[in-house]
């Protein structure tokens, strides 16, 4: 299976500002493996970069190009050490090629036909106070908002959003920015504002702090994100959180995501299915698994101004999976990874 890839700069509709930093563009790696397409969306706070993805891919070339059966995904992935985002791109491409070879959409191959798909949230990044109301009004078509926090005005941000959108479901993502004391103070106030859940309130390695929040019996569920990459992380966190955010770029692809979801369920945890800032290629791959999740956060393509692919469609917050074989993703132009 011939391998090719390129680094693609993605332009964002608005500067994406979270507790980890701000960016107006993202550099993802688009990959073709045989007939399959894949995407790596590396982020610096997970120790990943586009250059690091490429550095992992090139040594894998002999193994990848000798592969003749795209269904040999588990066999291949266990032989590829290194970048999780790079593994995700390969895994996604192989699932796409497998579906195309047998002429079936991926959700059918995975036995997920007929499952209802939860609505996706739409992200409101950290925004200047004078712009926040307009940003929320622009998102009026999305009934679930995920609000990025990690500032000295977090409570005021959520209060403004609740006043502007009184009937909208609000989810909060602190991106590991709070202390235990801040979380214990803020979360009950967010509960009064009707916040549905809190994502990654504390530092990635603050397991004791997460347990302290759990023991406080706070009125809003706590979801781990940055703390979770592999199923072993989920087992370690099982008594400290109420759920986990599973992303293909953290788990190394679809196979890893399925293992993470199964582990979370066996630990009695809820599941959010999320994404990085990904094109319709990566987000569609995740969307095929959406029926397994309690909550979905797959708005990556909605944040990009120059998405080179068409795949999952959005009817407001409703996800509409493509019917084509494999991922069902198509290029918007021949330049989108020819």
Protein backbone atom coordinates (compact mmCIF):
# COMPACT_ATOMS: atom_id res chain seq x y z
CA UNK A 1 0.00 0.00 0.00
CA UNK A 2 1.65 3.20 -1.15
CA UNK A 3 2.16 5.86 1.52
CA UNK A 4 2.06 9.62 1.00
CA UNK A 5 1.47 12.51 3.37
CA UNK A 6 1.67 16.26 3.66
CA UNK A 7 1.58 18.92 6.36
CA UNK A 8 -1.49 21.12 5.81
CA UNK A 9 -1.96 24.52 7.47
CA UNK A 10 -5.54 25.02 8.57
CA UNK A 11 -6.93 28.53 8.99
CA UNK A 12 -9.30 28.95 11.92
CA UNK A 13 -12.47 31.04 11.72
CA UNK A 14 -11.54 32.71 15.01
CA UNK A 15 -8.38 32.68 17.10
CA UNK A 16 -8.68 29.58 19.27
CA UNK A 17 -7.73 30.61 22.79
CA UNK A 18 -7.70 28.07 25.61
CA UNK A 19 -5.80 27.76 28.89
CA UNK A 20 -2.86 26.13 27.05
CA UNK A 21 -2.42 29.07 24.63
CA UNK A 22 -3.89 30.65 21.51
CA UNK A 23 -3.57 30.00 17.77
CA UNK A 24 -5.05 31.31 14.51
CA UNK A 25 -3.87 28.31 12.49
CA UNK A 26 -3.17 24.62 13.07
CA UNK A 27 -0.78 22.34 11.21
CA UNK A 28 -2.19 18.85 10.69
CA UNK A 29 -0.77 15.96 8.71
CA UNK A 30 -2.97 14.46 5.99
CA UNK A 31 -2.10 10.92 4.96
CA UNK A 32 -2.96 8.54 2.15
CA UNK A 33 -2.24 4.82 2.54
CA UNK A 34 -3.38 2.87 -0.48
CA UNK A 35 -7.01 3.87 -0.98
CA UNK A 36 -7.38 5.06 2.61
CA UNK A 37 -7.20 8.60 3.99
CA UNK A 38 -6.08 9.52 7.49
CA UNK A 39 -5.33 12.61 9.55
CA UNK A 40 -3.02 13.45 12.43
CA UNK A 41 -3.95 16.51 14.50
CA UNK A 42 -0.97 17.00 16.83
CA UNK A 43 -1.10 19.45 19.74
CA UNK A 44 1.85 20.81 21.67
CA UNK A 45 0.39 20.17 25.13
CA UNK A 46 0.41 16.44 24.36
CA UNK A 47 4.04 16.72 23.23
CA UNK A 48 3.11 16.35 19.55
CA UNK A 49 3.89 18.38 16.43
CA UNK A 50 3.47 18.02 12.69
CA UNK A 51 7.21 17.48 12.37
CA UNK A 52 7.08 14.81 15.06
CA UNK A 53 4.30 13.02 13.21
CA UNK A 54 6.37 13.01 10.01
CA UNK A 55 9.41 11.81 11.96
CA UNK A 56 7.37 8.83 13.12
CA UNK A 57 5.80 8.09 9.75
CA UNK A 58 8.91 7.87 7.64
CA UNK A 59 10.57 4.97 9.53
CA UNK A 60 7.25 3.13 9.27
CA UNK A 61 7.21 3.39 5.48
CA UNK A 62 8.70 -0.08 4.72
CA UNK A 63 6.20 -1.80 7.05
CA UNK A 64 3.25 0.19 5.72
CA UNK A 65 4.06 -0.21 2.05
CA UNK A 66 4.48 -3.98 2.40
CA UNK A 67 0.98 -4.31 3.84
CA UNK A 68 -1.55 -5.74 1.40
CA UNK A 69 -4.57 -6.28 3.67
CA UNK A 70 -6.01 -3.08 5.21
CA UNK A 71 -7.96 -5.20 7.70
CA UNK A 72 -4.71 -6.23 9.41
CA UNK A 73 -4.99 -3.15 11.60
CA UNK A 74 -4.28 -4.66 15.02
CA UNK A 75 -1.32 -6.64 13.65
CA UNK A 76 0.21 -3.52 12.13
CA UNK A 77 -0.37 -1.01 14.91
CA UNK A 78 1.38 -3.09 17.53
CA UNK A 79 4.52 -2.83 15.38
CA UNK A 80 4.47 0.99 15.15
CA UNK A 81 5.97 2.80 18.17
CA UNK A 82 6.05 6.57 18.53
CA UNK A 83 3.59 9.40 17.95
CA UNK A 84 -0.01 8.68 18.93
CA UNK A 85 -1.27 11.20 16.38
CA UNK A 86 0.73 9.46 13.65
CA UNK A 87 -0.69 6.09 14.71
CA UNK A 88 -4.16 7.61 14.59
CA UNK A 89 -3.61 8.76 10.99
CA UNK A 90 -2.49 5.27 9.95
CA UNK A 91 -5.34 3.59 11.85
CA UNK A 92 -7.93 5.91 10.28
CA UNK A 93 -6.52 5.36 6.79
CA UNK A 94 -6.58 1.58 7.19
CA UNK A 95 -10.19 1.62 8.39
CA UNK A 96 -11.08 3.80 5.41
CA UNK A 97 -9.28 1.48 2.98
CA UNK A 98 -10.89 -1.59 4.57
CA UNK A 99 -14.38 -0.14 4.18
CA UNK A 100 -13.69 0.88 0.59
CA UNK A 101 -12.39 -2.59 -0.25
CA UNK A 102 -15.56 -4.30 0.98
CA UNK A 103 -17.90 -1.49 -0.08
CA UNK A 104 -19.37 -0.74 3.35
CA UNK A 105 -19.45 2.35 5.61
CA UNK A 106 -17.22 2.04 8.64
CA UNK A 107 -20.09 2.14 11.15
CA UNK A 108 -21.51 -0.98 9.49
CA UNK A 109 -18.18 -2.81 9.65
CA UNK A 110 -17.94 -1.99 13.36
CA UNK A 111 -21.48 -3.20 14.08
CA UNK A 112 -22.72 0.27 15.01
CA UNK A 113 -25.60 0.66 12.55
CA UNK A 114 -28.79 2.07 13.96
CA UNK A 115 -27.36 3.65 17.11
CA UNK A 116 -28.67 7.16 17.82
CA UNK A 117 -25.96 9.82 17.69
CA UNK A 118 -25.86 12.39 20.51
CA UNK A 119 -25.78 16.04 19.41
CA UNK A 120 -22.38 17.66 19.21
CA UNK A 121 -21.40 20.63 21.31
CA UNK A 122 -19.97 23.78 19.74
CA UNK A 123 -16.91 25.36 21.33
CA UNK A 124 -16.75 28.92 22.62
CA UNK A 125 -13.05 29.59 23.11
CA UNK A 126 -11.74 32.13 25.60
CA UNK A 127 -12.95 35.43 24.18
CA UNK A 128 -12.49 39.09 25.09
CA UNK A 129 -15.41 40.32 27.23
CA UNK A 130 -16.60 42.81 24.61
CA UNK A 131 -16.78 40.04 21.97
CA UNK A 132 -18.32 37.25 24.03
CA UNK A 133 -22.00 38.08 23.58
CA UNK A 134 -21.65 38.34 19.79
CA UNK A 135 -19.76 35.03 19.68
CA UNK A 136 -22.51 33.29 21.63
CA UNK A 137 -25.22 34.87 19.47
CA UNK A 138 -23.40 33.63 16.35
CA UNK A 139 -23.63 30.11 17.80
CA UNK A 140 -27.40 30.31 18.30
CA UNK A 141 -27.92 27.33 15.99
CA UNK A 142 -26.09 25.02 18.39
CA UNK A 143 -28.09 24.00 21.47
CA UNK A 144 -25.00 22.72 23.34
CA UNK A 145 -22.02 25.00 23.99
CA UNK A 146 -18.66 23.89 25.36
CA UNK A 147 -17.07 26.89 27.06
CA UNK A 148 -13.31 27.13 27.42
CA UNK A 149 -12.20 28.56 30.76
CA UNK A 150 -8.98 29.07 32.69
CA UNK A 151 -9.03 32.83 33.25
CA UNK A 152 -9.48 35.16 36.21
CA UNK A 153 -13.08 35.81 35.07
CA UNK A 154 -14.40 32.28 34.60
CA UNK A 155 -17.59 32.78 36.59
CA UNK A 156 -18.41 36.01 34.74
CA UNK A 157 -17.93 34.24 31.40
CA UNK A 158 -20.47 31.55 32.23
CA UNK A 159 -22.88 34.08 33.70
CA UNK A 160 -22.72 36.11 30.48
CA UNK A 161 -23.32 33.04 28.35
CA UNK A 162 -26.25 31.92 30.49
CA UNK A 163 -27.83 35.39 30.25
CA UNK A 164 -27.26 35.52 26.48
CA UNK A 165 -28.45 31.96 25.83
CA UNK A 166 -30.84 31.05 28.67
CA UNK A 167 -32.01 27.77 27.13
CA UNK A 168 -28.65 26.50 25.87
CA UNK A 169 -26.92 23.51 27.47
CA UNK A 170 -23.54 24.65 28.79
CA UNK A 171 -20.51 22.43 29.29
CA UNK A 172 -17.33 23.83 30.83
CA UNK A 173 -13.75 22.89 29.93
CA UNK A 174 -11.02 24.28 32.19
CA UNK A 175 -8.21 22.54 30.27
CA UNK A 176 -6.40 21.68 33.54
CA UNK A 177 -6.21 25.34 34.65
CA UNK A 178 -7.77 25.30 38.15
CA UNK A 179 -6.55 24.40 41.60
CA UNK A 180 -8.61 22.20 43.89
CA UNK A 181 -9.65 25.29 45.85
CA UNK A 182 -10.82 27.11 42.71
CA UNK A 183 -12.77 24.08 41.54
CA UNK A 184 -14.50 23.66 44.91
CA UNK A 185 -15.51 27.32 44.81
CA UNK A 186 -16.57 27.55 41.15
CA UNK A 187 -18.33 24.26 40.46
CA UNK A 188 -21.28 24.77 42.87
CA UNK A 189 -21.83 28.22 41.32
CA UNK A 190 -21.74 26.70 37.85
CA UNK A 191 -24.31 24.13 38.99
CA UNK A 192 -26.65 26.99 39.89
CA UNK A 193 -26.19 28.29 36.32
CA UNK A 194 -27.22 24.90 34.92
CA UNK A 195 -23.80 23.73 33.72
CA UNK A 196 -24.07 20.11 32.57
CA UNK A 197 -20.50 18.92 33.18
CA UNK A 198 -16.96 20.06 33.98
CA UNK A 199 -14.09 18.84 31.82
CA UNK A 200 -10.51 18.50 33.14
CA UNK A 201 -10.64 21.00 36.00
CA UNK A 202 -7.22 20.13 37.45
CA UNK A 203 -3.68 19.45 36.24
CA UNK A 204 -3.12 16.25 34.30
CA UNK A 205 -1.20 14.51 37.09
CA UNK A 206 -3.28 15.76 40.05
CA UNK A 207 -4.96 12.45 40.80
CA UNK A 208 -5.23 13.24 44.50
CA UNK A 209 -6.96 16.51 43.69
CA UNK A 210 -9.41 14.81 41.35
CA UNK A 211 -10.23 12.31 44.09
CA UNK A 212 -10.79 15.22 46.48
CA UNK A 213 -13.32 16.72 44.07
CA UNK A 214 -15.04 13.35 43.69
CA UNK A 215 -15.26 12.91 47.46
CA UNK A 216 -16.81 16.38 47.78
CA UNK A 217 -19.89 15.05 45.93
CA UNK A 218 -20.10 18.11 43.73
CA UNK A 219 -23.42 18.59 41.87
CA UNK A 220 -21.82 18.50 38.39
CA UNK A 221 -20.03 15.47 36.87
CA UNK A 222 -16.27 15.70 36.32
CA UNK A 223 -14.86 14.46 33.00
CA UNK A 224 -11.16 13.72 32.48
CA UNK A 225 -9.59 14.71 29.15
CA UNK A 226 -5.87 15.53 29.12
CA UNK A 227 -5.33 12.94 31.88
CA UNK A 228 -6.55 10.15 29.57
CA UNK A 229 -4.65 8.66 26.64
CA UNK A 230 -4.72 4.88 27.09
CA UNK A 231 -7.13 2.43 28.76
CA UNK A 232 -4.70 2.11 31.70
CA UNK A 233 -5.24 5.81 32.43
CA UNK A 234 -8.97 5.21 32.65
CA UNK A 235 -8.52 2.42 35.19
CA UNK A 236 -6.26 4.67 37.26
CA UNK A 237 -8.84 7.48 37.22
CA UNK A 238 -11.93 5.33 37.71
CA UNK A 239 -12.50 6.33 41.35
CA UNK A 240 -11.64 9.99 40.75
CA UNK A 241 -13.94 11.09 37.90
CA UNK A 242 -17.41 10.51 36.49
CA UNK A 243 -16.40 10.12 32.86
CA UNK A 244 -13.64 10.42 30.28
CA UNK A 245 -13.18 12.24 26.99
CA UNK A 246 -11.98 9.81 24.32
CA UNK A 247 -10.21 11.29 21.28
CA UNK A 248 -8.68 9.36 18.40
CA UNK A 249 -5.56 11.52 18.47
CA UNK A 250 -4.91 10.51 22.08
CA UNK A 251 -5.76 6.82 21.78
CA UNK A 252 -3.84 6.27 18.55
CA UNK A 253 -6.90 5.85 16.36
CA UNK A 254 -10.19 4.00 16.13
CA UNK A 255 -8.97 0.71 17.62
CA UNK A 256 -7.55 2.53 20.62
CA UNK A 257 -10.73 4.57 21.02
CA UNK A 258 -12.88 1.44 21.03
CA UNK A 259 -10.65 -0.09 23.71
CA UNK A 260 -10.85 3.10 25.77
CA UNK A 261 -14.64 3.22 25.51
CA UNK A 262 -14.96 -0.43 26.53
CA UNK A 263 -12.64 0.16 29.49
CA UNK A 264 -14.60 3.22 30.60
CA UNK A 265 -17.86 1.28 30.50
CA UNK A 266 -16.34 -1.59 32.48
CA UNK A 267 -15.29 0.96 35.12
CA UNK A 268 -18.80 2.42 35.29
CA UNK A 269 -17.80 5.72 33.68
CA UNK A 270 -19.58 7.95 31.18
CA UNK A 271 -18.01 8.62 27.78
CA UNK A 272 -17.53 11.82 25.84
CA UNK A 273 -16.28 11.43 22.27
CA UNK A 274 -14.18 14.43 21.29
CA UNK A 275 -11.66 15.68 18.80
CA UNK A 276 -8.81 18.13 18.41
CA UNK A 277 -9.11 20.83 15.75
CA UNK A 278 -9.50 18.35 12.90
CA UNK A 279 -10.77 18.54 9.35
CA UNK A 280 -13.84 16.62 8.24
CA UNK A 281 -11.51 13.68 7.69
CA UNK A 282 -10.53 13.12 11.32
CA UNK A 283 -13.87 14.25 12.74
CA UNK A 284 -15.80 11.89 10.46
CA UNK A 285 -13.66 8.97 11.58
CA UNK A 286 -14.63 9.73 15.17
CA UNK A 287 -18.28 10.35 14.25
CA UNK A 288 -18.63 6.72 13.13
CA UNK A 289 -18.19 5.83 16.84
CA UNK A 290 -20.57 8.49 18.16
CA UNK A 291 -23.37 6.04 18.91
CA UNK A 292 -21.21 4.59 21.70
CA UNK A 293 -20.90 7.92 23.57
CA UNK A 294 -23.04 9.76 26.12
CA UNK A 295 -21.80 13.15 24.95
CA UNK A 296 -20.21 14.24 21.68
CA UNK A 297 -17.83 17.12 20.99
CA UNK A 298 -16.98 16.82 17.28
CA UNK A 299 -17.08 20.41 16.10
CA UNK A 300 -13.53 20.56 14.72
CA UNK A 301 -14.57 21.14 11.09
CA UNK A 302 -16.89 23.96 12.16
CA UNK A 303 -13.90 25.87 13.52
CA UNK A 304 -11.87 25.65 10.27
CA UNK A 305 -12.17 28.12 7.38
CA UNK A 306 -10.38 26.00 4.76
CA UNK A 307 -11.47 22.42 5.45
CA UNK A 308 -10.19 20.42 2.46
CA UNK A 309 -12.66 17.55 2.93
CA UNK A 310 -16.39 16.87 3.08
CA UNK A 311 -17.68 14.16 5.37
CA UNK A 312 -19.94 14.30 8.42
CA UNK A 313 -22.63 16.92 7.98
CA UNK A 314 -24.15 19.12 10.66
CA UNK A 315 -27.86 19.89 10.90
CA UNK A 316 -27.38 22.29 13.76
CA UNK A 317 -25.94 19.99 16.41
CA UNK A 318 -27.20 16.79 14.74
CA UNK A 319 -24.51 14.64 13.12
CA UNK A 320 -25.32 13.11 9.73
CA UNK A 321 -22.91 10.35 8.74
CA UNK A 322 -21.97 9.96 5.07
CA UNK A 323 -23.26 6.84 3.34
CA UNK A 324 -20.19 6.10 1.24
CA UNK A 325 -17.82 3.18 1.86
CA UNK A 326 -15.12 3.48 4.51
CA UNK A 327 -15.23 6.87 6.17
CA UNK A 328 -17.35 8.28 3.33
CA UNK A 329 -15.07 11.33 3.14
CA UNK A 330 -14.38 13.08 -0.16
CA UNK A 331 -11.88 15.77 -1.11
CA UNK A 332 -13.30 19.21 -1.87
CA UNK A 333 -10.63 19.60 -4.56
CA UNK A 334 -7.92 17.42 -6.11
CA UNK A 335 -5.37 19.38 -4.07
CA UNK A 336 -6.77 17.88 -0.87
CA UNK A 337 -4.20 15.05 -0.85
CA UNK A 338 -3.99 13.73 -4.38
